[in-house]
Amino acid sequence: MDDQNKIEPDYVKGFNEGYLIAQHRPDLAEQLASIDSDFIRLVGFKAGREQYEAERVREERLPNWLTGNRSQKDNIAPTRSKDRDIEPDK
């Protein structure tokens, strides 16, 4: 792998930390992301936090049956009469 495609390990650590902290402690992630610095780990942190926020917003737009958040009401199939036949009556 050449140097252009190599990702800094500190960036990856920061990205993962930003994603996880945004997921579990969004208030803390917001405070940490407000730090003004050019450290590579903090840049990764901010990117991870932004990634989590983008995914969260995208999931809010999806219907329940795509997100896996089905309610009991969604799982109930419409009832059909056992007396009905597929063929129409003549």
N, C-alpha and C. Protein backbone atom coordinates (compact mmCIF):
# COMPACT_ATOMS: atom_id res chain seq x y z
N MET A 1 0.85 -1.17 0.00
CA MET A 1 0.00 0.00 0.00
C MET A 1 0.90 1.24 0.00
N ASP A 2 0.60 2.18 -0.85
CA ASP A 2 1.43 3.38 -0.91
C ASP A 2 1.01 4.39 0.15
N ASP A 3 1.82 5.43 0.29
CA ASP A 3 1.63 6.41 1.37
C ASP A 3 0.34 7.22 1.22
N GLN A 4 -0.18 7.37 0.00
CA GLN A 4 -1.38 8.17 -0.19
C GLN A 4 -2.62 7.48 0.38
N ASN A 5 -2.65 6.16 0.38
CA ASN A 5 -3.82 5.43 0.86
C ASN A 5 -3.69 5.01 2.31
N LYS A 6 -2.61 5.32 2.95
CA LYS A 6 -2.39 4.93 4.34
C LYS A 6 -3.09 5.90 5.28
N ILE A 7 -3.86 5.36 6.21
CA ILE A 7 -4.58 6.18 7.18
C ILE A 7 -3.82 6.14 8.50
N GLU A 8 -3.67 7.28 9.09
CA GLU A 8 -2.97 7.38 10.37
C GLU A 8 -3.70 6.59 11.45
N PRO A 9 -2.98 5.79 12.24
CA PRO A 9 -3.64 5.04 13.32
C PRO A 9 -4.31 5.95 14.36
N ASP A 10 -3.72 7.11 14.62
CA ASP A 10 -4.34 8.04 15.57
C ASP A 10 -5.66 8.59 15.04
N TYR A 11 -5.74 8.80 13.73
CA TYR A 11 -6.99 9.26 13.12
C TYR A 11 -8.08 8.20 13.29
N VAL A 12 -7.72 6.94 13.04
CA VAL A 12 -8.68 5.85 13.16
C VAL A 12 -9.15 5.72 14.61
N LYS A 13 -8.24 5.82 15.57
CA LYS A 13 -8.62 5.75 16.99
C LYS A 13 -9.57 6.89 17.33
N GLY A 14 -9.25 8.09 16.88
CA GLY A 14 -10.11 9.23 17.14
C GLY A 14 -11.47 9.09 16.49
N PHE A 15 -11.50 8.57 15.27
CA PHE A 15 -12.76 8.37 14.56
C PHE A 15 -13.65 7.40 15.33
N ASN A 16 -13.08 6.27 15.75
CA ASN A 16 -13.85 5.28 16.49
C ASN A 16 -14.34 5.83 17.83
N GLU A 17 -13.48 6.58 18.50
CA GLU A 17 -13.88 7.18 19.78
C GLU A 17 -15.00 8.21 19.56
N GLY A 18 -14.89 9.01 18.52
CA GLY A 18 -15.92 10.00 18.24
C GLY A 18 -17.25 9.37 17.94
N TYR A 19 -17.23 8.27 17.19
CA TYR A 19 -18.47 7.57 16.83
C TYR A 19 -19.12 6.99 18.08
N LEU A 20 -18.32 6.29 18.89
CA LEU A 20 -18.88 5.63 20.08
C LEU A 20 -19.36 6.63 21.13
N ILE A 21 -18.59 7.67 21.36
CA ILE A 21 -19.00 8.65 22.36
C ILE A 21 -20.24 9.40 21.90
N ALA A 22 -20.34 9.70 20.60
CA ALA A 22 -21.54 10.35 20.08
C ALA A 22 -22.75 9.45 20.22
N GLN A 23 -22.53 8.16 20.13
CA GLN A 23 -23.62 7.20 20.24
C GLN A 23 -24.13 7.07 21.67
N HIS A 24 -23.21 7.06 22.63
CA HIS A 24 -23.59 6.81 24.02
C HIS A 24 -23.64 8.06 24.88
N ARG A 25 -22.83 9.06 24.57
CA ARG A 25 -22.81 10.30 25.35
C ARG A 25 -22.73 11.50 24.42
N PRO A 26 -23.83 11.82 23.74
CA PRO A 26 -23.79 12.90 22.75
C PRO A 26 -23.42 14.26 23.33
N ASP A 27 -23.76 14.50 24.58
CA ASP A 27 -23.40 15.78 25.20
C ASP A 27 -21.89 15.91 25.35
N LEU A 28 -21.24 14.84 25.76
CA LEU A 28 -19.78 14.84 25.91
C LEU A 28 -19.11 14.96 24.54
N ALA A 29 -19.65 14.26 23.55
CA ALA A 29 -19.07 14.33 22.20
C ALA A 29 -19.15 15.74 21.65
N GLU A 30 -20.23 16.43 21.92
CA GLU A 30 -20.37 17.80 21.45
C GLU A 30 -19.34 18.71 22.10
N GLN A 31 -19.12 18.53 23.39
CA GLN A 31 -18.13 19.34 24.10
C GLN A 31 -16.72 19.08 23.56
N LEU A 32 -16.40 17.81 23.35
CA LEU A 32 -15.06 17.49 22.85
C LEU A 32 -14.86 17.96 21.41
N ALA A 33 -15.90 17.91 20.62
CA ALA A 33 -15.79 18.34 19.23
C ALA A 33 -15.65 19.86 19.12
N SER A 34 -16.03 20.58 20.15
CA SER A 34 -15.92 22.03 20.10
C SER A 34 -14.49 22.53 20.37
N ILE A 35 -13.59 21.62 20.74
CA ILE A 35 -12.19 21.99 20.96
C ILE A 35 -11.58 22.37 19.63
N ASP A 36 -10.90 23.50 19.59
CA ASP A 36 -10.28 23.98 18.36
C ASP A 36 -8.81 23.56 18.35
N SER A 37 -8.53 22.52 17.60
CA SER A 37 -7.17 22.00 17.52
C SER A 37 -6.99 21.24 16.21
N ASP A 38 -5.75 21.09 15.78
CA ASP A 38 -5.46 20.37 14.55
C ASP A 38 -4.83 19.01 14.80
N PHE A 39 -4.91 18.50 16.03
CA PHE A 39 -4.37 17.18 16.32
C PHE A 39 -5.12 16.15 15.48
N ILE A 40 -4.36 15.21 14.91
CA ILE A 40 -4.95 14.24 13.99
C ILE A 40 -6.01 13.38 14.68
N ARG A 41 -5.80 13.07 15.96
CA ARG A 41 -6.78 12.26 16.68
C ARG A 41 -8.08 13.03 16.89
N LEU A 42 -7.99 14.32 17.14
CA LEU A 42 -9.18 15.14 17.32
C LEU A 42 -9.90 15.35 15.99
N VAL A 43 -9.15 15.45 14.91
CA VAL A 43 -9.77 15.54 13.59
C VAL A 43 -10.56 14.26 13.30
N GLY A 44 -9.98 13.11 13.64
CA GLY A 44 -10.68 11.84 13.49
C GLY A 44 -11.90 11.76 14.38
N PHE A 45 -11.78 12.26 15.61
CA PHE A 45 -12.90 12.29 16.55
C PHE A 45 -14.08 13.05 15.96
N LYS A 46 -13.80 14.22 15.42
CA LYS A 46 -14.86 15.05 14.84
C LYS A 46 -15.50 14.35 13.64
N ALA A 47 -14.69 13.68 12.84
CA ALA A 47 -15.23 12.96 11.68
C ALA A 47 -16.10 11.79 12.12
N GLY A 48 -15.70 11.08 13.16
CA GLY A 48 -16.49 9.98 13.68
C GLY A 48 -17.82 10.45 14.24
N ARG A 49 -17.79 11.55 14.94
CA ARG A 49 -19.02 12.13 15.49
C ARG A 49 -19.96 12.55 14.36
N GLU A 50 -19.41 13.20 13.33
CA GLU A 50 -20.23 13.62 12.19
C GLU A 50 -20.82 12.41 11.46
N GLN A 51 -20.04 11.32 11.36
CA GLN A 51 -20.53 10.11 10.70
C GLN A 51 -21.72 9.53 11.46
N TYR A 52 -21.60 9.47 12.79
CA TYR A 52 -22.70 8.94 13.59
C TYR A 52 -23.95 9.81 13.43
N GLU A 53 -23.78 11.12 13.47
CA GLU A 53 -24.92 12.03 13.33
C GLU A 53 -25.58 11.86 11.97
N ALA A 54 -24.78 11.70 10.91
CA ALA A 54 -25.35 11.52 9.57
C ALA A 54 -26.14 10.22 9.49
N GLU A 55 -25.63 9.16 10.09
CA GLU A 55 -26.35 7.88 10.08
C GLU A 55 -27.64 7.96 10.91
N ARG A 56 -27.58 8.65 12.01
CA ARG A 56 -28.76 8.79 12.86
C ARG A 56 -29.87 9.55 12.14
N VAL A 57 -29.51 10.60 11.46
CA VAL A 57 -30.49 11.39 10.71
C VAL A 57 -31.08 10.56 9.57
N ARG A 58 -30.24 9.79 8.91
CA ARG A 58 -30.72 8.94 7.81
C ARG A 58 -31.69 7.88 8.32
N GLU A 59 -31.41 7.30 9.48
CA GLU A 59 -32.29 6.28 10.05
C GLU A 59 -33.63 6.85 10.49
N GLU A 60 -33.66 8.11 10.89
CA GLU A 60 -34.91 8.74 11.29
C GLU A 60 -35.87 8.85 10.12
N ARG A 61 -35.35 8.92 8.92
CA ARG A 61 -36.19 9.07 7.74
C ARG A 61 -36.75 7.73 7.25
N LEU A 62 -36.15 6.63 7.67
CA LEU A 62 -36.58 5.32 7.20
C LEU A 62 -37.84 4.87 7.91
N PRO A 63 -38.68 4.09 7.22
CA PRO A 63 -39.87 3.54 7.89
C PRO A 63 -39.45 2.47 8.90
N ASN A 64 -40.34 2.20 9.84
CA ASN A 64 -40.02 1.25 10.91
C ASN A 64 -39.65 -0.13 10.40
N TRP A 65 -40.28 -0.57 9.34
CA TRP A 65 -40.00 -1.93 8.87
C TRP A 65 -38.60 -2.07 8.28
N LEU A 66 -37.95 -0.96 7.94
CA LEU A 66 -36.58 -1.02 7.46
C LEU A 66 -35.56 -0.87 8.58
N THR A 67 -35.91 -0.21 9.64
CA THR A 67 -34.96 0.01 10.72
C THR A 67 -34.94 -1.12 11.73
N GLY A 68 -35.93 -2.00 11.71
CA GLY A 68 -35.98 -3.08 12.68
C GLY A 68 -36.71 -2.70 13.94
N ASN A 69 -37.27 -1.50 13.99
CA ASN A 69 -38.02 -1.04 15.16
C ASN A 69 -39.51 -1.30 14.96
N ARG A 70 -39.83 -2.53 14.73
CA ARG A 70 -41.22 -2.88 14.46
C ARG A 70 -42.01 -2.95 15.76
N SER A 71 -43.20 -2.45 15.70
CA SER A 71 -44.09 -2.59 16.84
C SER A 71 -44.90 -3.86 16.66
N GLN A 72 -45.57 -4.28 17.69
CA GLN A 72 -46.38 -5.50 17.62
C GLN A 72 -47.48 -5.33 16.59
N LYS A 73 -48.01 -4.13 16.46
CA LYS A 73 -49.08 -3.85 15.51
C LYS A 73 -48.62 -4.08 14.07
N ASP A 74 -47.35 -3.78 13.77
CA ASP A 74 -46.83 -3.95 12.43
C ASP A 74 -46.69 -5.42 12.05
N ASN A 75 -46.54 -6.30 13.02
CA ASN A 75 -46.30 -7.71 12.76
C ASN A 75 -47.57 -8.51 12.54
N ILE A 76 -48.71 -7.95 12.83
CA ILE A 76 -49.97 -8.68 12.71
C ILE A 76 -50.43 -8.64 11.26
N ALA A 77 -50.63 -9.81 10.70
CA ALA A 77 -51.11 -9.91 9.32
C ALA A 77 -52.62 -9.69 9.32
N PRO A 78 -53.15 -9.18 8.23
CA PRO A 78 -54.60 -9.00 8.17
C PRO A 78 -55.28 -10.36 8.26
N THR A 79 -56.38 -10.39 8.99
CA THR A 79 -57.09 -11.66 9.16
C THR A 79 -57.89 -11.96 7.90
N ARG A 80 -57.90 -13.22 7.56
CA ARG A 80 -58.67 -13.65 6.40
C ARG A 80 -59.64 -14.73 6.86
N SER A 81 -60.75 -14.75 6.26
CA SER A 81 -61.75 -15.74 6.60
C SER A 81 -61.32 -17.10 6.06
N LYS A 82 -61.43 -18.11 6.91
CA LYS A 82 -61.07 -19.46 6.48
C LYS A 82 -62.10 -20.02 5.51
N ASP A 83 -63.30 -19.44 5.49
CA ASP A 83 -64.36 -19.92 4.62
C ASP A 83 -64.19 -19.46 3.18
N ARG A 84 -63.42 -18.42 3.00
CA ARG A 84 -63.27 -17.87 1.65
C ARG A 84 -62.38 -18.77 0.82
N ASP A 85 -62.77 -18.91 -0.40
CA ASP A 85 -62.00 -19.69 -1.35
C ASP A 85 -61.31 -18.72 -2.30
N ILE A 86 -60.29 -19.19 -2.96
CA ILE A 86 -59.59 -18.34 -3.91
C ILE A 86 -60.46 -18.08 -5.15
N GLU A 87 -61.18 -19.08 -5.55
CA GLU A 87 -62.02 -18.97 -6.74
C GLU A 87 -63.29 -18.17 -6.42
N PRO A 88 -63.73 -17.35 -7.35
CA PRO A 88 -64.98 -16.60 -7.09
C PRO A 88 -66.19 -17.52 -7.17
N ASP A 89 -67.24 -17.15 -6.44
CA ASP A 89 -68.47 -17.93 -6.46
C ASP A 89 -69.17 -17.75 -7.80
N LYS A 90 -69.81 -18.83 -8.28
CA LYS A 90 -70.54 -18.77 -9.55
C LYS A 90 -72.01 -18.79 -9.33
